[in-house]
């Protein structure tokens, strides 16, 4: 059973639904497995809890 983990900033539920569906479809197509066997975990991180290029994302 594939488990896909996504780490990202907060997003709208509609966008996450679409992303989960697309990722699931990609695994179904590539591995020829049932959609029920694909799990997608979304870990959302607040902008003040991660940084890039030496700055907090919240400060960009």
N, C-alpha and C. Protein backbone atom coordinates (compact mmCIF):
# COMPACT_ATOMS: atom_id res chain seq x y z
N UNK A 1 0.84 -1.17 0.00
CA UNK A 1 0.00 0.00 0.00
C UNK A 1 0.89 1.24 0.00
N UNK A 2 0.85 2.04 -1.06
CA UNK A 2 1.64 3.26 -1.09
C UNK A 2 1.08 4.31 -0.13
N UNK A 3 1.98 5.00 0.53
CA UNK A 3 1.62 6.13 1.38
C UNK A 3 2.42 7.33 0.88
N UNK A 4 1.73 8.37 0.48
CA UNK A 4 2.35 9.59 -0.01
C UNK A 4 2.20 10.64 1.08
N UNK A 5 3.30 11.26 1.46
CA UNK A 5 3.25 12.31 2.48
C UNK A 5 3.60 13.64 1.83
N UNK A 6 2.75 14.61 2.06
CA UNK A 6 2.94 15.95 1.52
C UNK A 6 3.12 16.90 2.69
N UNK A 7 4.16 17.69 2.65
CA UNK A 7 4.36 18.73 3.65
C UNK A 7 4.23 20.06 2.94
N UNK A 8 3.34 20.91 3.46
CA UNK A 8 3.05 22.17 2.78
C UNK A 8 2.46 23.16 3.76
N UNK A 9 2.34 24.38 3.30
CA UNK A 9 1.62 25.39 4.05
C UNK A 9 0.13 25.13 3.92
N UNK A 10 -0.66 25.78 4.75
CA UNK A 10 -2.11 25.59 4.71
C UNK A 10 -2.70 25.90 3.33
N UNK A 11 -3.62 25.07 2.91
CA UNK A 11 -4.33 25.25 1.64
C UNK A 11 -5.81 25.01 1.86
N UNK A 12 -6.62 25.48 0.95
CA UNK A 12 -8.06 25.30 0.97
C UNK A 12 -8.41 23.81 0.80
N UNK A 13 -9.47 23.38 1.45
CA UNK A 13 -9.89 21.97 1.38
C UNK A 13 -10.17 21.52 -0.05
N UNK A 14 -10.74 22.39 -0.87
CA UNK A 14 -11.04 22.01 -2.26
C UNK A 14 -9.75 21.71 -3.02
N UNK A 15 -8.72 22.50 -2.79
CA UNK A 15 -7.44 22.24 -3.46
C UNK A 15 -6.84 20.92 -3.00
N UNK A 16 -6.95 20.63 -1.71
CA UNK A 16 -6.41 19.38 -1.18
C UNK A 16 -7.19 18.18 -1.72
N UNK A 17 -8.50 18.31 -1.84
CA UNK A 17 -9.30 17.21 -2.44
C UNK A 17 -8.82 16.89 -3.84
N UNK A 18 -8.61 17.94 -4.64
CA UNK A 18 -8.15 17.75 -6.02
C UNK A 18 -6.77 17.11 -6.05
N UNK A 19 -5.87 17.58 -5.20
CA UNK A 19 -4.52 17.02 -5.15
C UNK A 19 -4.54 15.54 -4.77
N UNK A 20 -5.31 15.20 -3.75
CA UNK A 20 -5.41 13.80 -3.32
C UNK A 20 -5.96 12.93 -4.45
N UNK A 21 -6.96 13.41 -5.15
CA UNK A 21 -7.53 12.64 -6.26
C UNK A 21 -6.50 12.44 -7.37
N UNK A 22 -5.76 13.48 -7.70
CA UNK A 22 -4.76 13.38 -8.78
C UNK A 22 -3.62 12.45 -8.41
N UNK A 23 -3.16 12.55 -7.17
CA UNK A 23 -2.08 11.66 -6.73
C UNK A 23 -2.55 10.21 -6.73
N UNK A 24 -3.75 9.98 -6.23
CA UNK A 24 -4.31 8.63 -6.22
C UNK A 24 -4.41 8.09 -7.64
N UNK A 25 -4.93 8.89 -8.56
CA UNK A 25 -5.05 8.45 -9.96
C UNK A 25 -3.69 8.11 -10.56
N UNK A 26 -2.67 8.89 -10.22
CA UNK A 26 -1.33 8.62 -10.75
C UNK A 26 -0.81 7.25 -10.29
N UNK A 27 -1.03 6.93 -9.01
CA UNK A 27 -0.59 5.62 -8.52
C UNK A 27 -1.41 4.49 -9.13
N UNK A 28 -2.69 4.70 -9.27
CA UNK A 28 -3.54 3.68 -9.90
C UNK A 28 -3.06 3.41 -11.32
N UNK A 29 -2.77 4.47 -12.07
CA UNK A 29 -2.30 4.32 -13.45
C UNK A 29 -0.91 3.69 -13.52
N UNK A 30 0.00 4.16 -12.68
CA UNK A 30 1.39 3.71 -12.76
C UNK A 30 1.59 2.30 -12.22
N UNK A 31 0.92 1.97 -11.13
CA UNK A 31 1.14 0.69 -10.46
C UNK A 31 0.03 -0.33 -10.71
N UNK A 32 -1.03 0.10 -11.37
CA UNK A 32 -2.16 -0.79 -11.64
C UNK A 32 -2.68 -1.40 -10.33
N UNK A 33 -2.96 -0.54 -9.37
CA UNK A 33 -3.47 -0.96 -8.06
C UNK A 33 -4.81 -0.29 -7.81
N UNK A 34 -5.61 -0.83 -6.91
CA UNK A 34 -6.89 -0.19 -6.61
C UNK A 34 -6.69 1.12 -5.84
N UNK A 35 -7.54 2.07 -6.11
CA UNK A 35 -7.47 3.37 -5.45
C UNK A 35 -7.54 3.23 -3.93
N UNK A 36 -8.25 2.24 -3.45
CA UNK A 36 -8.41 2.04 -2.01
C UNK A 36 -7.09 1.73 -1.31
N UNK A 37 -6.09 1.32 -2.06
CA UNK A 37 -4.81 0.97 -1.44
C UNK A 37 -3.85 2.17 -1.34
N UNK A 38 -4.24 3.30 -1.91
CA UNK A 38 -3.38 4.49 -1.90
C UNK A 38 -3.80 5.41 -0.75
N UNK A 39 -2.82 5.79 0.06
CA UNK A 39 -3.08 6.76 1.14
C UNK A 39 -2.26 8.01 0.88
N UNK A 40 -2.88 9.16 1.10
CA UNK A 40 -2.19 10.44 0.96
C UNK A 40 -2.34 11.18 2.28
N UNK A 41 -1.22 11.50 2.89
CA UNK A 41 -1.22 12.22 4.15
C UNK A 41 -0.73 13.63 3.89
N UNK A 42 -1.49 14.61 4.33
CA UNK A 42 -1.10 16.01 4.17
C UNK A 42 -0.76 16.58 5.54
N UNK A 43 0.47 17.01 5.66
CA UNK A 43 0.95 17.62 6.90
C UNK A 43 1.11 19.11 6.61
N UNK A 44 0.25 19.91 7.20
CA UNK A 44 0.32 21.36 6.97
C UNK A 44 1.13 22.02 8.07
N UNK A 45 2.00 22.91 7.65
CA UNK A 45 2.89 23.62 8.56
C UNK A 45 2.58 25.11 8.44
N UNK A 46 2.39 25.75 9.56
CA UNK A 46 2.12 27.19 9.56
C UNK A 46 3.32 27.96 9.00
N UNK A 47 3.07 29.08 8.31
CA UNK A 47 4.17 29.85 7.72
C UNK A 47 5.22 30.33 8.73
N UNK A 48 4.85 30.45 10.00
CA UNK A 48 5.84 30.86 10.99
C UNK A 48 6.59 29.67 11.60
N UNK A 49 6.36 28.49 11.03
CA UNK A 49 7.02 27.28 11.53
C UNK A 49 7.96 26.65 10.51
N UNK A 50 8.25 27.35 9.43
CA UNK A 50 9.26 26.86 8.49
C UNK A 50 9.93 28.02 7.80
N UNK A 51 11.10 27.77 7.28
CA UNK A 51 11.84 28.82 6.61
C UNK A 51 12.50 28.31 5.36
N UNK A 52 12.88 29.26 4.51
CA UNK A 52 13.61 28.96 3.29
C UNK A 52 14.52 30.14 2.99
N UNK A 53 15.67 29.86 2.47
CA UNK A 53 16.63 30.90 2.11
C UNK A 53 16.95 31.83 3.28
N UNK A 54 16.99 31.28 4.48
CA UNK A 54 17.37 32.04 5.65
C UNK A 54 16.29 32.89 6.28
N UNK A 55 15.04 32.75 5.80
CA UNK A 55 13.95 33.56 6.34
C UNK A 55 12.72 32.69 6.61
N UNK A 56 11.96 33.07 7.63
CA UNK A 56 10.68 32.39 7.84
C UNK A 56 9.77 32.66 6.65
N UNK A 57 9.01 31.67 6.29
CA UNK A 57 8.06 31.84 5.20
C UNK A 57 7.07 32.96 5.52
N UNK A 58 6.71 33.10 6.78
CA UNK A 58 5.78 34.16 7.19
C UNK A 58 6.34 35.56 6.95
N UNK A 59 7.65 35.68 6.89
CA UNK A 59 8.28 36.99 6.70
C UNK A 59 8.54 37.33 5.24
N UNK A 60 8.21 36.49 4.35
CA UNK A 60 8.47 36.73 2.93
C UNK A 60 7.43 37.62 2.32
